[in-house]
Amino acid sequence: MIATSLVHGGPGPAFLSKTLYQHLIGTTKSDVVEVTIEDVTDEATKAFLLEISNAATLKELHGCIEMHCSLLQTAGCYGFPGSLDGKGNIIKDYLRWYIIYRNHFSIQRFKDGLATLGVIHALQQHPLLFQPFMCSRPEPLTSDFLEDMFAVVLSEPGSSRRQEETRVLGFWRDYLIDAEDTKTAVSLQDILMFATGLNSIPPAGMEPRPRLLFGDASHFPIGKTCANTIVIPMAQSYKQFQDDMDFGILNSPGFGLY
């Protein structure tokens, strides 16, 4: 699913750790992969590793090892070092097992899935290009970005309709700024979801480009996600515009089903 999404311009997973990503694309080998205690998400496991790491004396270290002997035996790194320096090797060996070795078959199946449509080869050839889509969350939306993203469809220049649309366009811009500053009932992600069905921008952008239209048919906004279009109401005041937009977006069918 991830491979197909990337090929067709959809969003990447944006949840992999950089360590796993580097291992997937082969830039680091499992025996030299750099893994830290912070890469461990299980709180109990992290706690016992920190306990070993913080041991101040050899006796304290041996006590920690004995207390957690079953976990260390499972990972194949159970032993009593002759000095405090040995705790670093114990932690390193356990982390390699915990992150890489115990998940070997799952990681391999994930790589096999990424081979769909040649995606794994693209990741290996262009690791830095794909890393933001695989490892990090999308950049937070801003009001300026969202404003520029929508192509505004206006009436004929000089017409009275054009003047009204220009006035309401000012409401729209103020509304985006207020949404960014959390002064509205909805967020910028909510507005994007209402208009396009997405709460983040895909790596390849949007096709067709989102459009902003003006409508008299309803007091509330109308979202056409198949066409990436939002129709905003021709309110007489900004307060009315904000209330109508908030109500329309929050009460739209399927709202919030990401």
C-alpha atoms as a PDB file:
ATOM      1  CA  MET A   1       0.000   0.000   0.000  1.00  0.00           C
ATOM      2  CA  ILE A   2       2.843   2.402   0.839  1.00  0.00           C
ATOM      3  CA  ALA A   3       4.642   1.621  -2.423  1.00  0.00           C
ATOM      4  CA  THR A   4       1.496   2.122  -4.491  1.00  0.00           C
ATOM      5  CA  SER A   5       0.675   5.362  -2.683  1.00  0.00           C
ATOM      6  CA  LEU A   6       4.128   6.814  -3.383  1.00  0.00           C
ATOM      7  CA  VAL A   7       4.060   5.839  -7.061  1.00  0.00           C
ATOM      8  CA  HIS A   8       0.659   7.441  -7.570  1.00  0.00           C
ATOM      9  CA  GLY A   9       1.614  10.690  -5.835  1.00  0.00           C
ATOM     10  CA  GLY A  10      -0.035   9.969  -2.511  1.00  0.00           C
ATOM     11  CA  PRO A  11       1.386  10.563   0.952  1.00  0.00           C
ATOM     12  CA  GLY A  12       4.232   8.527   2.374  1.00  0.00           C
ATOM     13  CA  PRO A  13       4.003   6.794   5.760  1.00  0.00           C
ATOM     14  CA  ALA A  14       6.010   9.518   7.568  1.00  0.00           C
ATOM     15  CA  PHE A  15       6.377   7.377  10.693  1.00  0.00           C
ATOM     16  CA  LEU A  16       9.539   5.288  10.213  1.00  0.00           C
ATOM     17  CA  SER A  17      12.554   5.982  12.396  1.00  0.00           C
ATOM     18  CA  LYS A  18      15.673   7.090  10.543  1.00  0.00           C
ATOM     19  CA  THR A  19      17.449   4.019  11.902  1.00  0.00           C
ATOM     20  CA  LEU A  20      14.904   1.640  10.367  1.00  0.00           C
ATOM     21  CA  TYR A  21      14.849   3.627   7.128  1.00  0.00           C
ATOM     22  CA  GLN A  22      18.631   3.444   6.809  1.00  0.00           C
ATOM     23  CA  HIS A  23      18.529  -0.282   7.463  1.00  0.00           C
ATOM     24  CA  LEU A  24      15.735  -0.792   4.910  1.00  0.00           C
ATOM     25  CA  ILE A  25      17.632   0.901   2.108  1.00  0.00           C
ATOM     26  CA  GLY A  26      20.928  -0.730   3.033  1.00  0.00           C
ATOM     27  CA  THR A  27      22.951   2.368   3.933  1.00  0.00           C
ATOM     28  CA  THR A  28      23.877   0.720   7.240  1.00  0.00           C
ATOM     29  CA  LYS A  29      24.457  -2.928   8.056  1.00  0.00           C
ATOM     30  CA  SER A  30      22.740  -4.518  11.018  1.00  0.00           C
ATOM     31  CA  ASP A  31      26.054  -5.091  12.806  1.00  0.00           C
ATOM     32  CA  VAL A  32      27.035  -1.415  12.648  1.00  0.00           C
ATOM     33  CA  VAL A  33      23.611   0.247  12.777  1.00  0.00           C
ATOM     34  CA  GLU A  34      23.546   3.093  15.274  1.00  0.00           C
ATOM     35  CA  VAL A  35      20.660   2.561  17.676  1.00  0.00           C
ATOM     36  CA  THR A  36      20.089   4.539  20.851  1.00  0.00           C
ATOM     37  CA  ILE A  37      17.950   3.929  23.901  1.00  0.00           C
ATOM     38  CA  GLU A  38      15.675   6.741  22.690  1.00  0.00           C
ATOM     39  CA  ASP A  39      14.743   4.542  19.701  1.00  0.00           C
ATOM     40  CA  VAL A  40      12.997   2.158  22.119  1.00  0.00           C
ATOM     41  CA  THR A  41       9.313   3.012  22.526  1.00  0.00           C
ATOM     42  CA  ASP A  42       8.448   0.379  25.152  1.00  0.00           C
ATOM     43  CA  GLU A  43       8.772   2.149  28.489  1.00  0.00           C
ATOM     44  CA  ALA A  44       9.646  -0.979  30.490  1.00  0.00           C
ATOM     45  CA  THR A  45      12.443  -1.930  28.106  1.00  0.00           C
ATOM     46  CA  LYS A  46      13.758   1.613  28.029  1.00  0.00           C
ATOM     47  CA  ALA A  47      13.717   1.736  31.832  1.00  0.00           C
ATOM     48  CA  PHE A  48      15.854  -1.378  32.286  1.00  0.00           C
ATOM     49  CA  LEU A  49      18.355  -0.198  29.656  1.00  0.00           C
ATOM     50  CA  LEU A  50      18.631   3.158  31.399  1.00  0.00           C
ATOM     51  CA  GLU A  51      19.128   1.327  34.681  1.00  0.00           C
ATOM     52  CA  ILE A  52      22.129  -0.489  33.210  1.00  0.00           C
ATOM     53  CA  SER A  53      23.406   2.680  31.573  1.00  0.00           C
ATOM     54  CA  ASN A  54      23.209   4.640  34.843  1.00  0.00           C
ATOM     55  CA  ALA A  55      24.971   2.002  36.964  1.00  0.00           C
ATOM     56  CA  ALA A  56      27.713   3.864  38.861  1.00  0.00           C
ATOM     57  CA  THR A  57      29.682   0.894  40.206  1.00  0.00           C
ATOM     58  CA  LEU A  58      30.573  -2.559  38.928  1.00  0.00           C
ATOM     59  CA  LYS A  59      28.568  -4.145  41.742  1.00  0.00           C
ATOM     60  CA  GLU A  60      25.514  -2.090  40.823  1.00  0.00           C
ATOM     61  CA  LEU A  61      25.948  -3.055  37.171  1.00  0.00           C
ATOM     62  CA  HIS A  62      26.147  -6.758  37.998  1.00  0.00           C
ATOM     63  CA  GLY A  63      23.031  -6.415  40.131  1.00  0.00           C
ATOM     64  CA  CYS A  64      21.120  -4.854  37.220  1.00  0.00           C
ATOM     65  CA  ILE A  65      22.297  -7.599  34.878  1.00  0.00           C
ATOM     66  CA  GLU A  66      21.210 -10.302  37.284  1.00  0.00           C
ATOM     67  CA  MET A  67      17.822  -8.654  37.801  1.00  0.00           C
ATOM     68  CA  HIS A  68      17.164  -8.573  34.033  1.00  0.00           C
ATOM     69  CA  CYS A  69      18.951 -11.777  33.127  1.00  0.00           C
ATOM     70  CA  SER A  70      15.984 -13.332  31.285  1.00  0.00           C
ATOM     71  CA  LEU A  71      15.716 -10.371  28.881  1.00  0.00           C
ATOM     72  CA  LEU A  72      19.449 -10.331  28.273  1.00  0.00           C
ATOM     73  CA  GLN A  73      19.575 -14.098  27.757  1.00  0.00           C
ATOM     74  CA  THR A  74      16.805 -13.874  25.162  1.00  0.00           C
ATOM     75  CA  ALA A  75      18.849 -11.293  23.266  1.00  0.00           C
ATOM     76  CA  GLY A  76      22.045 -13.348  23.592  1.00  0.00           C
ATOM     77  CA  CYS A  77      23.984 -10.672  25.459  1.00  0.00           C
ATOM     78  CA  TYR A  78      23.874 -11.980  29.028  1.00  0.00           C
ATOM     79  CA  GLY A  79      27.201 -11.741  30.829  1.00  0.00           C
ATOM     80  CA  PHE A  80      29.085  -9.991  33.597  1.00  0.00           C
ATOM     81  CA  PRO A  81      31.705  -7.546  32.297  1.00  0.00           C
ATOM     82  CA  GLY A  82      34.899  -6.995  34.231  1.00  0.00           C
ATOM     83  CA  SER A  83      34.560  -3.212  34.202  1.00  0.00           C
ATOM     84  CA  LEU A  84      31.950  -0.490  33.883  1.00  0.00           C
ATOM     85  CA  ASP A  85      33.036   0.070  30.289  1.00  0.00           C
ATOM     86  CA  GLY A  86      31.375  -3.242  29.410  1.00  0.00           C
ATOM     87  CA  LYS A  87      27.875  -1.891  30.006  1.00  0.00           C
ATOM     88  CA  GLY A  88      28.082   0.006  26.721  1.00  0.00           C
ATOM     89  CA  ASN A  89      28.561  -3.223  24.752  1.00  0.00           C
ATOM     90  CA  ILE A  90      25.678  -4.908  26.587  1.00  0.00           C
ATOM     91  CA  ILE A  91      23.335  -2.024  25.744  1.00  0.00           C
ATOM     92  CA  LYS A  92      24.539  -1.859  22.145  1.00  0.00           C
ATOM     93  CA  ASP A  93      24.088  -5.619  21.594  1.00  0.00           C
ATOM     94  CA  TYR A  94      20.646  -5.614  23.177  1.00  0.00           C
ATOM     95  CA  LEU A  95      19.512  -2.644  21.098  1.00  0.00           C
ATOM     96  CA  ARG A  96      20.645  -4.317  17.854  1.00  0.00           C
ATOM     97  CA  TRP A  97      18.664  -7.400  18.780  1.00  0.00           C
ATOM     98  CA  TYR A  98      15.618  -5.440  19.950  1.00  0.00           C
ATOM     99  CA  ILE A  99      15.385  -3.140  16.912  1.00  0.00           C
ATOM    100  CA  ILE A 100      16.836  -5.253  14.081  1.00  0.00           C
ATOM    101  CA  TYR A 101      17.383  -8.963  14.718  1.00  0.00           C
ATOM    102  CA  ARG A 102      14.115  -9.850  16.453  1.00  0.00           C
ATOM    103  CA  ASN A 103      12.207  -8.047  13.685  1.00  0.00           C
ATOM    104  CA  HIS A 104      14.241  -9.517  10.836  1.00  0.00           C
ATOM    105  CA  PHE A 105      11.417 -11.406   9.115  1.00  0.00           C
ATOM    106  CA  SER A 106       8.954  -8.527   9.492  1.00  0.00           C
ATOM    107  CA  ILE A 107      11.490  -6.092   8.063  1.00  0.00           C
ATOM    108  CA  GLN A 108      12.222  -8.450   5.167  1.00  0.00           C
ATOM    109  CA  ARG A 109       8.529  -8.770   4.325  1.00  0.00           C
ATOM    110  CA  PHE A 110       8.214  -4.992   4.482  1.00  0.00           C
ATOM    111  CA  LYS A 111      11.114  -4.694   2.031  1.00  0.00           C
ATOM    112  CA  ASP A 112       9.443  -7.245  -0.246  1.00  0.00           C
ATOM    113  CA  GLY A 113       6.302  -5.119  -0.207  1.00  0.00           C
ATOM    114  CA  LEU A 114       8.285  -1.980  -1.033  1.00  0.00           C
ATOM    115  CA  ALA A 115       9.688  -3.825  -4.054  1.00  0.00           C
ATOM    116  CA  THR A 116       6.239  -3.326  -5.605  1.00  0.00           C
ATOM    117  CA  LEU A 117       6.609  -1.124  -8.703  1.00  0.00           C
ATOM    118  CA  GLY A 118      10.337  -0.801  -7.947  1.00  0.00           C
ATOM    119  CA  VAL A 119       9.898   1.556  -4.987  1.00  0.00           C
ATOM    120  CA  ILE A 120      12.628  -0.029  -2.838  1.00  0.00           C
ATOM    121  CA  HIS A 121      15.130   0.548  -5.658  1.00  0.00           C
ATOM    122  CA  ALA A 122      14.066   4.187  -5.912  1.00  0.00           C
ATOM    123  CA  LEU A 123      14.572   4.570  -2.146  1.00  0.00           C
ATOM    124  CA  GLN A 124      18.044   3.067  -2.412  1.00  0.00           C
ATOM    125  CA  GLN A 125      19.017   5.293  -5.337  1.00  0.00           C
ATOM    126  CA  HIS A 126      17.582   8.510  -3.859  1.00  0.00           C
ATOM    127  CA  PRO A 127      17.572   8.023  -0.049  1.00  0.00           C
ATOM    128  CA  LEU A 128      17.721  11.708   0.889  1.00  0.00           C
ATOM    129  CA  LEU A 129      14.941  12.636  -1.522  1.00  0.00           C
ATOM    130  CA  PHE A 130      12.514  10.086  -0.058  1.00  0.00           C
ATOM    131  CA  GLN A 131      13.541  10.361   3.585  1.00  0.00           C
ATOM    132  CA  PRO A 132      11.113  13.201   4.491  1.00  0.00           C
ATOM    133  CA  PHE A 133       8.201  11.179   3.084  1.00  0.00           C
ATOM    134  CA  MET A 134       9.184   8.010   4.922  1.00  0.00           C
ATOM    135  CA  CYS A 135      10.557   9.318   8.227  1.00  0.00           C
ATOM    136  CA  SER A 136       9.149  12.683   9.180  1.00  0.00           C
ATOM    137  CA  ARG A 137       5.738  14.197   9.509  1.00  0.00           C
ATOM    138  CA  PRO A 138       4.598  16.735   6.932  1.00  0.00           C
ATOM    139  CA  GLU A 139       5.434  20.341   7.722  1.00  0.00           C
ATOM    140  CA  PRO A 140       2.601  22.090   9.587  1.00  0.00           C
ATOM    141  CA  LEU A 141       0.203  23.959   7.324  1.00  0.00           C
ATOM    142  CA  THR A 142       0.300  27.751   7.373  1.00  0.00           C
ATOM    143  CA  SER A 143      -2.342  30.247   6.354  1.00  0.00           C
ATOM    144  CA  ASP A 144      -0.062  31.669   3.650  1.00  0.00           C
ATOM    145  CA  PHE A 145       0.579  28.223   2.165  1.00  0.00           C
ATOM    146  CA  LEU A 146      -3.098  27.311   2.130  1.00  0.00           C
ATOM    147  CA  GLU A 147      -4.046  30.664   0.611  1.00  0.00           C
ATOM    148  CA  ASP A 148      -1.525  30.235  -2.214  1.00  0.00           C
ATOM    149  CA  MET A 149      -2.549  26.630  -2.802  1.00  0.00           C
ATOM    150  CA  PHE A 150      -6.148  27.498  -3.785  1.00  0.00           C
ATOM    151  CA  ALA A 151      -6.703  28.979  -7.233  1.00  0.00           C
ATOM    152  CA  VAL A 152      -9.339  31.706  -6.801  1.00  0.00           C
ATOM    153  CA  VAL A 153     -12.079  31.730  -9.476  1.00  0.00           C
ATOM    154  CA  LEU A 154     -13.415  35.289  -9.808  1.00  0.00           C
ATOM    155  CA  SER A 155     -16.088  36.873 -12.023  1.00  0.00           C
ATOM    156  CA  GLU A 156     -15.439  39.353 -14.822  1.00  0.00           C
ATOM    157  CA  PRO A 157     -13.256  42.338 -13.805  1.00  0.00           C
ATOM    158  CA  GLY A 158     -15.294  45.501 -13.180  1.00  0.00           C
ATOM    159  CA  SER A 159     -18.549  43.666 -12.498  1.00  0.00           C
ATOM    160  CA  SER A 160     -20.486  44.189  -9.280  1.00  0.00           C
ATOM    161  CA  ARG A 161     -20.186  40.465  -8.633  1.00  0.00           C
ATOM    162  CA  ARG A 162     -16.402  40.748  -8.815  1.00  0.00           C
ATOM    163  CA  GLN A 163     -16.476  43.493  -6.175  1.00  0.00           C
ATOM    164  CA  GLU A 164     -18.538  41.318  -3.825  1.00  0.00           C
ATOM    165  CA  GLU A 165     -16.226  38.344  -4.391  1.00  0.00           C
ATOM    166  CA  THR A 166     -13.179  40.481  -3.644  1.00  0.00           C
ATOM    167  CA  ARG A 167     -14.761  41.581  -0.365  1.00  0.00           C
ATOM    168  CA  VAL A 168     -15.526  37.976   0.646  1.00  0.00           C
ATOM    169  CA  LEU A 169     -12.037  36.918  -0.452  1.00  0.00           C
ATOM    170  CA  GLY A 170     -10.739  39.206   2.283  1.00  0.00           C
ATOM    171  CA  PHE A 171     -12.938  37.309   4.757  1.00  0.00           C
ATOM    172  CA  TRP A 172     -11.425  34.037   3.522  1.00  0.00           C
ATOM    173  CA  ARG A 173      -7.869  35.275   4.057  1.00  0.00           C
ATOM    174  CA  ASP A 174      -8.697  36.527   7.556  1.00  0.00           C
ATOM    175  CA  TYR A 175     -10.395  33.214   8.301  1.00  0.00           C
ATOM    176  CA  LEU A 176      -7.242  31.260   7.383  1.00  0.00           C
ATOM    177  CA  ILE A 177      -5.136  33.491   9.634  1.00  0.00           C
ATOM    178  CA  ASP A 178      -7.574  33.029  12.522  1.00  0.00           C
ATOM    179  CA  ALA A 179      -7.585  29.252  11.960  1.00  0.00           C
ATOM    180  CA  GLU A 180      -3.797  29.233  12.151  1.00  0.00           C
ATOM    181  CA  ASP A 181      -3.978  31.226  15.394  1.00  0.00           C
ATOM    182  CA  THR A 182      -6.666  28.830  16.755  1.00  0.00           C
ATOM    183  CA  LYS A 183      -9.247  31.616  16.886  1.00  0.00           C
ATOM    184  CA  THR A 184     -11.784  29.556  14.944  1.00  0.00           C
ATOM    185  CA  ALA A 185     -13.562  26.307  15.759  1.00  0.00           C
ATOM    186  CA  VAL A 186     -11.686  24.509  12.980  1.00  0.00           C
ATOM    187  CA  SER A 187      -8.004  24.131  12.089  1.00  0.00           C
ATOM    188  CA  LEU A 188      -6.197  24.574   8.775  1.00  0.00           C
ATOM    189  CA  GLN A 189      -6.085  20.769   8.498  1.00  0.00           C
ATOM    190  CA  ASP A 190      -9.871  20.702   8.921  1.00  0.00           C
ATOM    191  CA  ILE A 191     -10.312  23.202   6.086  1.00  0.00           C
ATOM    192  CA  LEU A 192      -7.993  21.216   3.823  1.00  0.00           C
ATOM    193  CA  MET A 193      -9.840  17.995   4.676  1.00  0.00           C
ATOM    194  CA  PHE A 194     -13.211  19.614   3.919  1.00  0.00           C
ATOM    195  CA  ALA A 195     -12.073  20.796   0.490  1.00  0.00           C
ATOM    196  CA  THR A 196      -9.874  17.896  -0.644  1.00  0.00           C
ATOM    197  CA  GLY A 197     -10.434  14.887   1.601  1.00  0.00           C
ATOM    198  CA  LEU A 198      -6.808  15.098   2.814  1.00  0.00           C
ATOM    199  CA  ASN A 199      -5.419  16.511   6.051  1.00  0.00           C
ATOM    200  CA  SER A 200      -1.874  16.905   4.695  1.00  0.00           C
ATOM    201  CA  ILE A 201      -0.269  17.741   1.368  1.00  0.00           C
ATOM    202  CA  PRO A 202       0.849  14.675  -0.667  1.00  0.00           C
ATOM    203  CA  PRO A 203       4.548  14.563  -1.681  1.00  0.00           C
ATOM    204  CA  ALA A 204       3.696  15.065  -5.351  1.00  0.00           C
ATOM    205  CA  GLY A 205       1.258  17.930  -4.706  1.00  0.00           C
ATOM    206  CA  MET A 206      -2.417  17.900  -5.679  1.00  0.00           C
ATOM    207  CA  GLU A 207      -3.977  17.229  -9.049  1.00  0.00           C
ATOM    208  CA  PRO A 208      -6.186  18.967  -9.915  1.00  0.00           C
ATOM    209  CA  ARG A 209      -5.052  22.101  -8.104  1.00  0.00           C
ATOM    210  CA  PRO A 210      -7.540  23.068  -5.363  1.00  0.00           C
ATOM    211  CA  ARG A 211      -9.953  25.848  -6.329  1.00  0.00           C
ATOM    212  CA  LEU A 212     -11.856  28.474  -4.363  1.00  0.00           C
ATOM    213  CA  LEU A 213     -15.303  29.436  -5.676  1.00  0.00           C
ATOM    214  CA  PHE A 214     -17.994  31.808  -4.439  1.00  0.00           C
ATOM    215  CA  GLY A 215     -21.604  30.671  -4.067  1.00  0.00           C
ATOM    216  CA  ASP A 216     -25.046  32.068  -3.272  1.00  0.00           C
ATOM    217  CA  ALA A 217     -26.835  28.721  -3.058  1.00  0.00           C
ATOM    218  CA  SER A 218     -26.020  28.143   0.607  1.00  0.00           C
ATOM    219  CA  HIS A 219     -25.162  30.108   3.720  1.00  0.00           C
ATOM    220  CA  PHE A 220     -22.553  27.454   4.440  1.00  0.00           C
ATOM    221  CA  PRO A 221     -19.410  26.287   2.601  1.00  0.00           C
ATOM    222  CA  ILE A 222     -19.631  23.421   0.127  1.00  0.00           C
ATOM    223  CA  GLY A 223     -16.749  20.974  -0.271  1.00  0.00           C
ATOM    224  CA  LYS A 224     -16.270  18.961  -3.475  1.00  0.00           C
ATOM    225  CA  THR A 225     -13.427  16.626  -2.580  1.00  0.00           C
ATOM    226  CA  CYS A 226     -13.405  14.825  -5.947  1.00  0.00           C
ATOM    227  CA  ALA A 227     -12.571  18.138  -7.627  1.00  0.00           C
ATOM    228  CA  ASN A 228     -10.506  19.620  -4.753  1.00  0.00           C
ATOM    229  CA  THR A 229     -12.924  22.538  -4.603  1.00  0.00           C
ATOM    230  CA  ILE A 230     -14.441  24.636  -1.823  1.00  0.00           C
ATOM    231  CA  VAL A 231     -17.341  27.033  -2.394  1.00  0.00           C
ATOM    232  CA  ILE A 232     -17.469  29.751   0.255  1.00  0.00           C
ATOM    233  CA  PRO A 233     -20.608  31.708   1.207  1.00  0.00           C
ATOM    234  CA  MET A 234     -21.149  35.362   0.267  1.00  0.00           C
ATOM    235  CA  ALA A 235     -21.573  36.607   3.845  1.00  0.00           C
ATOM    236  CA  GLN A 236     -22.232  40.270   4.641  1.00  0.00           C
ATOM    237  CA  SER A 237     -19.848  40.457   7.593  1.00  0.00           C
ATOM    238  CA  TYR A 238     -16.751  38.625   8.761  1.00  0.00           C
ATOM    239  CA  LYS A 239     -18.499  37.420  11.924  1.00  0.00           C
ATOM    240  CA  GLN A 240     -21.242  35.841   9.861  1.00  0.00           C
ATOM    241  CA  PHE A 241     -18.646  34.357   7.488  1.00  0.00           C
ATOM    242  CA  GLN A 242     -16.690  32.790  10.352  1.00  0.00           C
ATOM    243  CA  ASP A 243     -19.787  31.366  12.029  1.00  0.00           C
ATOM    244  CA  ASP A 244     -21.096  29.921   8.755  1.00  0.00           C
ATOM    245  CA  MET A 245     -17.727  28.406   7.844  1.00  0.00           C
ATOM    246  CA  ASP A 246     -17.250  26.877  11.290  1.00  0.00           C
ATOM    247  CA  PHE A 247     -20.750  25.415  11.351  1.00  0.00           C
ATOM    248  CA  GLY A 248     -20.613  24.110   7.787  1.00  0.00           C
ATOM    249  CA  ILE A 249     -17.232  22.407   8.124  1.00  0.00           C
ATOM    250  CA  LEU A 250     -17.841  20.902  11.558  1.00  0.00           C
ATOM    251  CA  ASN A 251     -21.231  19.505  10.549  1.00  0.00           C
ATOM    252  CA  SER A 252     -20.315  18.155   7.126  1.00  0.00           C
ATOM    253  CA  PRO A 253     -21.028  14.411   6.561  1.00  0.00           C
ATOM    254  CA  GLY A 254     -17.996  12.262   7.241  1.00  0.00           C
ATOM    255  CA  PHE A 255     -16.038  15.115   8.815  1.00  0.00           C
ATOM    256  CA  GLY A 256     -13.013  13.902  10.740  1.00  0.00           C
ATOM    257  CA  LEU A 257     -12.875  10.450   9.131  1.00  0.00           C
ATOM    258  CA  TYR A 258      -9.250  10.663   8.008  1.00  0.00           C
END
